[in-house]
Amino acid sequence: MLHVMVSLDLANAKKDRPDFNKYLADAKWMKLSRVDTVWSIRFPNAYEKHIQLIADTIEKTLLAAAKELKLERINYVAQIGNEDSIGRYIVYKDGGYKKGKFNPRKPVENPA
């Protein structure tokens, strides 16, 4: 079994947050208590060799949520099993959704 934890930020989505939370809950994710926007999910039949497949599944789930709810941007970091954390984003730009990567361990210059 692999455990996954995702922490994310939704840009300009206060009114969409309840719908986003319902979307993830319906997809069998669990919102962790006492922290803001941290979710967990278990993959009971997955092992370390499945980490990339799980990373792709997380991306597909969040991209689908962004499209369905017409969200402007999602930044997220994920911890999958014993691997290093990954950093990803999904952004609506130029009439479509784009995705990309960032290093969550790299300090942010000029944090806002």
N, C-alpha and C. Protein backbone atom coordinates (compact mmCIF):
# COMPACT_ATOMS: atom_id res chain seq x y z
N MET A 1 0.85 -1.18 0.00
CA MET A 1 0.00 0.00 0.00
C MET A 1 0.89 1.24 0.00
N LEU A 2 0.50 2.23 -0.78
CA LEU A 2 1.17 3.52 -0.77
C LEU A 2 0.20 4.57 -0.25
N HIS A 3 0.71 5.43 0.60
CA HIS A 3 -0.04 6.56 1.11
C HIS A 3 0.40 7.80 0.35
N VAL A 4 -0.54 8.67 0.06
CA VAL A 4 -0.26 9.90 -0.66
C VAL A 4 -0.84 11.06 0.13
N MET A 5 -0.05 12.14 0.25
CA MET A 5 -0.53 13.36 0.87
C MET A 5 -0.28 14.50 -0.10
N VAL A 6 -1.32 15.31 -0.32
CA VAL A 6 -1.24 16.44 -1.23
C VAL A 6 -1.67 17.69 -0.49
N SER A 7 -0.84 18.72 -0.58
CA SER A 7 -1.19 20.04 -0.07
C SER A 7 -1.30 20.96 -1.27
N LEU A 8 -2.36 21.78 -1.31
CA LEU A 8 -2.55 22.58 -2.51
C LEU A 8 -3.13 23.95 -2.19
N ASP A 9 -2.95 24.84 -3.16
CA ASP A 9 -3.52 26.18 -3.12
C ASP A 9 -4.35 26.39 -4.36
N LEU A 10 -5.53 26.96 -4.18
CA LEU A 10 -6.40 27.32 -5.29
C LEU A 10 -6.36 28.83 -5.44
N ALA A 11 -6.01 29.32 -6.62
CA ALA A 11 -5.94 30.76 -6.83
C ALA A 11 -7.34 31.33 -7.06
N ASN A 12 -7.68 32.37 -6.31
CA ASN A 12 -8.94 33.10 -6.51
C ASN A 12 -10.15 32.18 -6.57
N ALA A 13 -10.24 31.24 -5.65
CA ALA A 13 -11.31 30.24 -5.75
C ALA A 13 -12.13 30.11 -4.47
N LYS A 14 -12.27 31.18 -3.70
CA LYS A 14 -13.02 31.07 -2.45
C LYS A 14 -14.43 30.53 -2.67
N LYS A 15 -15.11 31.03 -3.68
CA LYS A 15 -16.48 30.57 -3.92
C LYS A 15 -16.52 29.14 -4.45
N ASP A 16 -15.42 28.68 -5.06
CA ASP A 16 -15.36 27.34 -5.63
C ASP A 16 -14.85 26.28 -4.66
N ARG A 17 -14.32 26.70 -3.52
CA ARG A 17 -13.70 25.76 -2.60
C ARG A 17 -14.66 24.65 -2.14
N PRO A 18 -15.90 24.95 -1.76
CA PRO A 18 -16.79 23.84 -1.37
C PRO A 18 -17.00 22.82 -2.49
N ASP A 19 -17.15 23.29 -3.72
CA ASP A 19 -17.32 22.37 -4.85
C ASP A 19 -16.05 21.57 -5.09
N PHE A 20 -14.89 22.21 -4.93
CA PHE A 20 -13.62 21.51 -5.09
C PHE A 20 -13.47 20.43 -4.02
N ASN A 21 -13.78 20.79 -2.78
CA ASN A 21 -13.70 19.82 -1.69
C ASN A 21 -14.63 18.63 -1.94
N LYS A 22 -15.82 18.89 -2.43
CA LYS A 22 -16.76 17.81 -2.75
C LYS A 22 -16.20 16.95 -3.88
N TYR A 23 -15.59 17.57 -4.87
CA TYR A 23 -15.03 16.83 -6.00
C TYR A 23 -14.00 15.81 -5.51
N LEU A 24 -13.06 16.28 -4.66
CA LEU A 24 -12.04 15.36 -4.15
C LEU A 24 -12.64 14.30 -3.22
N ALA A 25 -13.56 14.70 -2.37
CA ALA A 25 -14.19 13.73 -1.48
C ALA A 25 -14.93 12.65 -2.28
N ASP A 26 -15.60 13.06 -3.35
CA ASP A 26 -16.29 12.09 -4.21
C ASP A 26 -15.32 11.15 -4.91
N ALA A 27 -14.07 11.63 -5.11
CA ALA A 27 -13.03 10.80 -5.74
C ALA A 27 -12.28 9.96 -4.70
N LYS A 28 -12.83 9.86 -3.49
CA LYS A 28 -12.30 9.02 -2.40
C LYS A 28 -11.08 9.60 -1.69
N TRP A 29 -10.84 10.90 -1.85
CA TRP A 29 -9.78 11.57 -1.10
C TRP A 29 -10.34 11.95 0.27
N MET A 30 -9.46 12.06 1.27
CA MET A 30 -9.85 12.46 2.61
C MET A 30 -9.16 13.77 2.96
N LYS A 31 -9.96 14.77 3.34
CA LYS A 31 -9.37 16.04 3.77
C LYS A 31 -8.86 15.85 5.20
N LEU A 32 -7.60 16.16 5.40
CA LEU A 32 -7.01 16.00 6.73
C LEU A 32 -7.44 17.15 7.62
N SER A 33 -7.64 16.85 8.89
CA SER A 33 -8.18 17.85 9.80
C SER A 33 -7.09 18.74 10.39
N ARG A 34 -7.52 19.93 10.79
CA ARG A 34 -6.71 20.92 11.49
C ARG A 34 -5.60 21.54 10.65
N VAL A 35 -5.65 21.36 9.35
CA VAL A 35 -4.72 22.03 8.43
C VAL A 35 -5.54 22.49 7.22
N ASP A 36 -5.04 23.50 6.52
CA ASP A 36 -5.75 24.02 5.36
C ASP A 36 -5.38 23.24 4.11
N THR A 37 -6.35 22.75 3.43
CA THR A 37 -6.25 22.17 2.09
C THR A 37 -5.15 21.11 1.97
N VAL A 38 -5.19 20.15 2.86
CA VAL A 38 -4.30 18.99 2.78
C VAL A 38 -5.18 17.75 2.67
N TRP A 39 -4.90 16.94 1.67
CA TRP A 39 -5.71 15.76 1.37
C TRP A 39 -4.85 14.52 1.38
N SER A 40 -5.48 13.40 1.61
CA SER A 40 -4.77 12.13 1.63
C SER A 40 -5.59 11.09 0.89
N ILE A 41 -4.90 10.13 0.32
CA ILE A 41 -5.56 9.00 -0.32
C ILE A 41 -4.63 7.80 -0.21
N ARG A 42 -5.22 6.62 -0.15
CA ARG A 42 -4.44 5.39 -0.10
C ARG A 42 -4.63 4.62 -1.39
N PHE A 43 -3.56 4.04 -1.87
CA PHE A 43 -3.60 3.14 -3.02
C PHE A 43 -3.24 1.75 -2.49
N PRO A 44 -4.25 0.96 -2.10
CA PRO A 44 -3.99 -0.29 -1.39
C PRO A 44 -3.21 -1.33 -2.19
N ASN A 45 -3.29 -1.30 -3.50
CA ASN A 45 -2.60 -2.31 -4.30
C ASN A 45 -1.37 -1.76 -5.01
N ALA A 46 -0.86 -0.62 -4.55
CA ALA A 46 0.28 0.02 -5.21
C ALA A 46 1.56 -0.19 -4.39
N TYR A 47 2.66 -0.13 -5.11
CA TYR A 47 3.99 -0.27 -4.50
C TYR A 47 4.89 0.83 -5.04
N GLU A 48 6.13 0.88 -4.56
CA GLU A 48 7.06 1.92 -4.97
C GLU A 48 7.19 2.01 -6.50
N LYS A 49 7.08 0.90 -7.19
CA LYS A 49 7.23 0.93 -8.65
C LYS A 49 6.07 1.66 -9.34
N HIS A 50 5.01 1.97 -8.61
CA HIS A 50 3.84 2.63 -9.17
C HIS A 50 3.81 4.13 -8.93
N ILE A 51 4.89 4.69 -8.41
CA ILE A 51 4.87 6.11 -8.00
C ILE A 51 4.56 7.03 -9.17
N GLN A 52 5.15 6.82 -10.33
CA GLN A 52 4.87 7.70 -11.47
C GLN A 52 3.41 7.58 -11.90
N LEU A 53 2.87 6.39 -11.87
CA LEU A 53 1.46 6.19 -12.22
C LEU A 53 0.56 6.95 -11.24
N ILE A 54 0.91 6.92 -9.97
CA ILE A 54 0.14 7.65 -8.96
C ILE A 54 0.27 9.15 -9.17
N ALA A 55 1.48 9.64 -9.47
CA ALA A 55 1.67 11.07 -9.74
C ALA A 55 0.81 11.49 -10.92
N ASP A 56 0.76 10.65 -11.95
CA ASP A 56 -0.08 10.94 -13.12
C ASP A 56 -1.56 10.95 -12.75
N THR A 57 -1.97 10.05 -11.87
CA THR A 57 -3.36 9.98 -11.43
C THR A 57 -3.74 11.24 -10.65
N ILE A 58 -2.85 11.70 -9.79
CA ILE A 58 -3.11 12.94 -9.04
C ILE A 58 -3.29 14.09 -10.02
N GLU A 59 -2.38 14.19 -10.99
CA GLU A 59 -2.45 15.26 -11.98
C GLU A 59 -3.77 15.21 -12.75
N LYS A 60 -4.15 14.03 -13.20
CA LYS A 60 -5.41 13.88 -13.95
C LYS A 60 -6.61 14.27 -13.11
N THR A 61 -6.62 13.88 -11.83
CA THR A 61 -7.73 14.21 -10.94
C THR A 61 -7.85 15.72 -10.76
N LEU A 62 -6.72 16.38 -10.51
CA LEU A 62 -6.76 17.82 -10.26
C LEU A 62 -7.02 18.61 -11.55
N LEU A 63 -6.52 18.13 -12.68
CA LEU A 63 -6.81 18.77 -13.96
C LEU A 63 -8.31 18.66 -14.27
N ALA A 64 -8.90 17.50 -14.02
CA ALA A 64 -10.34 17.33 -14.24
C ALA A 64 -11.14 18.25 -13.33
N ALA A 65 -10.71 18.38 -12.07
CA ALA A 65 -11.40 19.29 -11.14
C ALA A 65 -11.29 20.73 -11.62
N ALA A 66 -10.10 21.13 -12.08
CA ALA A 66 -9.90 22.50 -12.56
C ALA A 66 -10.81 22.78 -13.76
N LYS A 67 -10.88 21.84 -14.68
CA LYS A 67 -11.72 22.03 -15.86
C LYS A 67 -13.20 22.08 -15.50
N GLU A 68 -13.64 21.14 -14.68
CA GLU A 68 -15.06 21.09 -14.31
C GLU A 68 -15.49 22.33 -13.55
N LEU A 69 -14.64 22.82 -12.66
CA LEU A 69 -15.00 23.95 -11.81
C LEU A 69 -14.49 25.28 -12.37
N LYS A 70 -13.81 25.22 -13.52
CA LYS A 70 -13.28 26.42 -14.18
C LYS A 70 -12.37 27.22 -13.24
N LEU A 71 -11.46 26.51 -12.59
CA LEU A 71 -10.53 27.15 -11.66
C LEU A 71 -9.40 27.83 -12.43
N GLU A 72 -8.90 28.92 -11.87
CA GLU A 72 -7.83 29.69 -12.50
C GLU A 72 -6.48 28.98 -12.38
N ARG A 73 -6.17 28.48 -11.19
CA ARG A 73 -4.86 27.87 -10.96
C ARG A 73 -4.88 26.98 -9.73
N ILE A 74 -4.17 25.86 -9.80
CA ILE A 74 -3.93 24.99 -8.65
C ILE A 74 -2.42 24.78 -8.56
N ASN A 75 -1.83 25.09 -7.43
CA ASN A 75 -0.45 24.71 -7.12
C ASN A 75 -0.53 23.60 -6.08
N TYR A 76 0.26 22.55 -6.27
CA TYR A 76 0.21 21.49 -5.27
C TYR A 76 1.56 20.80 -5.11
N VAL A 77 1.75 20.27 -3.93
CA VAL A 77 2.89 19.40 -3.64
C VAL A 77 2.32 18.08 -3.15
N ALA A 78 3.02 17.01 -3.49
CA ALA A 78 2.55 15.68 -3.10
C ALA A 78 3.70 14.87 -2.52
N GLN A 79 3.38 14.10 -1.52
CA GLN A 79 4.31 13.15 -0.94
C GLN A 79 3.73 11.77 -1.21
N ILE A 80 4.49 10.95 -1.96
CA ILE A 80 4.03 9.62 -2.35
C ILE A 80 5.01 8.60 -1.80
N GLY A 81 4.56 7.79 -0.87
CA GLY A 81 5.43 6.77 -0.30
C GLY A 81 6.70 7.37 0.29
N ASN A 82 7.83 6.75 -0.01
CA ASN A 82 9.12 7.20 0.53
C ASN A 82 9.89 8.10 -0.42
N GLU A 83 9.28 8.49 -1.51
CA GLU A 83 9.94 9.35 -2.50
C GLU A 83 9.97 10.80 -2.05
N ASP A 84 10.83 11.60 -2.68
CA ASP A 84 10.89 13.03 -2.41
C ASP A 84 9.58 13.68 -2.87
N SER A 85 9.22 14.77 -2.25
CA SER A 85 8.01 15.49 -2.62
C SER A 85 8.09 15.99 -4.06
N ILE A 86 6.93 16.06 -4.72
CA ILE A 86 6.88 16.63 -6.06
C ILE A 86 6.09 17.93 -6.01
N GLY A 87 6.39 18.86 -6.91
CA GLY A 87 5.67 20.12 -7.02
C GLY A 87 5.11 20.27 -8.42
N ARG A 88 3.84 20.60 -8.53
CA ARG A 88 3.18 20.72 -9.81
C ARG A 88 2.21 21.90 -9.79
N TYR A 89 1.83 22.36 -10.98
CA TYR A 89 0.78 23.36 -11.08
C TYR A 89 -0.08 23.08 -12.30
N ILE A 90 -1.30 23.58 -12.23
CA ILE A 90 -2.25 23.56 -13.33
C ILE A 90 -2.78 24.98 -13.41
N VAL A 91 -2.72 25.59 -14.60
CA VAL A 91 -3.13 26.99 -14.75
C VAL A 91 -3.94 27.15 -16.04
N TYR A 92 -4.98 27.97 -15.95
CA TYR A 92 -5.76 28.29 -17.14
C TYR A 92 -5.09 29.49 -17.80
N LYS A 93 -4.66 29.31 -19.05
CA LYS A 93 -3.92 30.36 -19.74
C LYS A 93 -4.14 30.22 -21.25
N ASP A 94 -4.35 31.33 -21.91
CA ASP A 94 -4.51 31.35 -23.37
C ASP A 94 -5.60 30.39 -23.85
N GLY A 95 -6.71 30.35 -23.11
CA GLY A 95 -7.85 29.56 -23.53
C GLY A 95 -7.80 28.07 -23.23
N GLY A 96 -6.82 27.62 -22.45
CA GLY A 96 -6.73 26.20 -22.11
C GLY A 96 -5.93 25.99 -20.83
N TYR A 97 -5.94 24.76 -20.36
CA TYR A 97 -5.21 24.43 -19.15
C TYR A 97 -3.82 23.94 -19.50
N LYS A 98 -2.81 24.49 -18.79
CA LYS A 98 -1.42 24.09 -18.94
C LYS A 98 -0.98 23.49 -17.61
N LYS A 99 -0.02 22.58 -17.66
CA LYS A 99 0.50 21.99 -16.44
C LYS A 99 2.02 22.10 -16.47
N GLY A 100 2.60 22.11 -15.28
CA GLY A 100 4.04 22.21 -15.19
C GLY A 100 4.55 21.72 -13.85
N LYS A 101 5.86 21.81 -13.70
CA LYS A 101 6.52 21.31 -12.49
C LYS A 101 7.32 22.43 -11.82
N PHE A 102 7.50 22.28 -10.52
CA PHE A 102 8.43 23.13 -9.78
C PHE A 102 9.04 22.31 -8.66
N ASN A 103 10.18 22.77 -8.17
CA ASN A 103 10.86 22.08 -7.09
C ASN A 103 10.37 22.63 -5.76
N PRO A 104 9.60 21.87 -4.98
CA PRO A 104 9.06 22.41 -3.73
C PRO A 104 10.13 22.60 -2.66
N ARG A 105 11.31 22.07 -2.86
CA ARG A 105 12.37 22.23 -1.87
C ARG A 105 13.23 23.48 -2.15
N LYS A 106 13.03 24.09 -3.30
CA LYS A 106 13.78 25.30 -3.63
C LYS A 106 13.12 26.50 -2.97
N PRO A 107 13.87 27.31 -2.21
CA PRO A 107 13.27 28.48 -1.57
C PRO A 107 12.65 29.42 -2.60
N VAL A 108 11.54 30.02 -2.22
CA VAL A 108 10.84 30.94 -3.10
C VAL A 108 11.50 32.32 -3.00
N GLU A 109 11.82 32.88 -4.16
CA GLU A 109 12.34 34.24 -4.18
C GLU A 109 11.15 35.19 -4.13
N ASN A 110 11.24 36.20 -3.30
CA ASN A 110 10.17 37.19 -3.16
C ASN A 110 8.82 36.54 -2.87
N PRO A 111 8.71 35.76 -1.79
CA PRO A 111 7.41 35.12 -1.51
C PRO A 111 6.33 36.16 -1.28
N ALA A 112 5.17 35.89 -1.85
CA ALA A 112 4.06 36.85 -1.68
C ALA A 112 2.92 36.21 -0.93
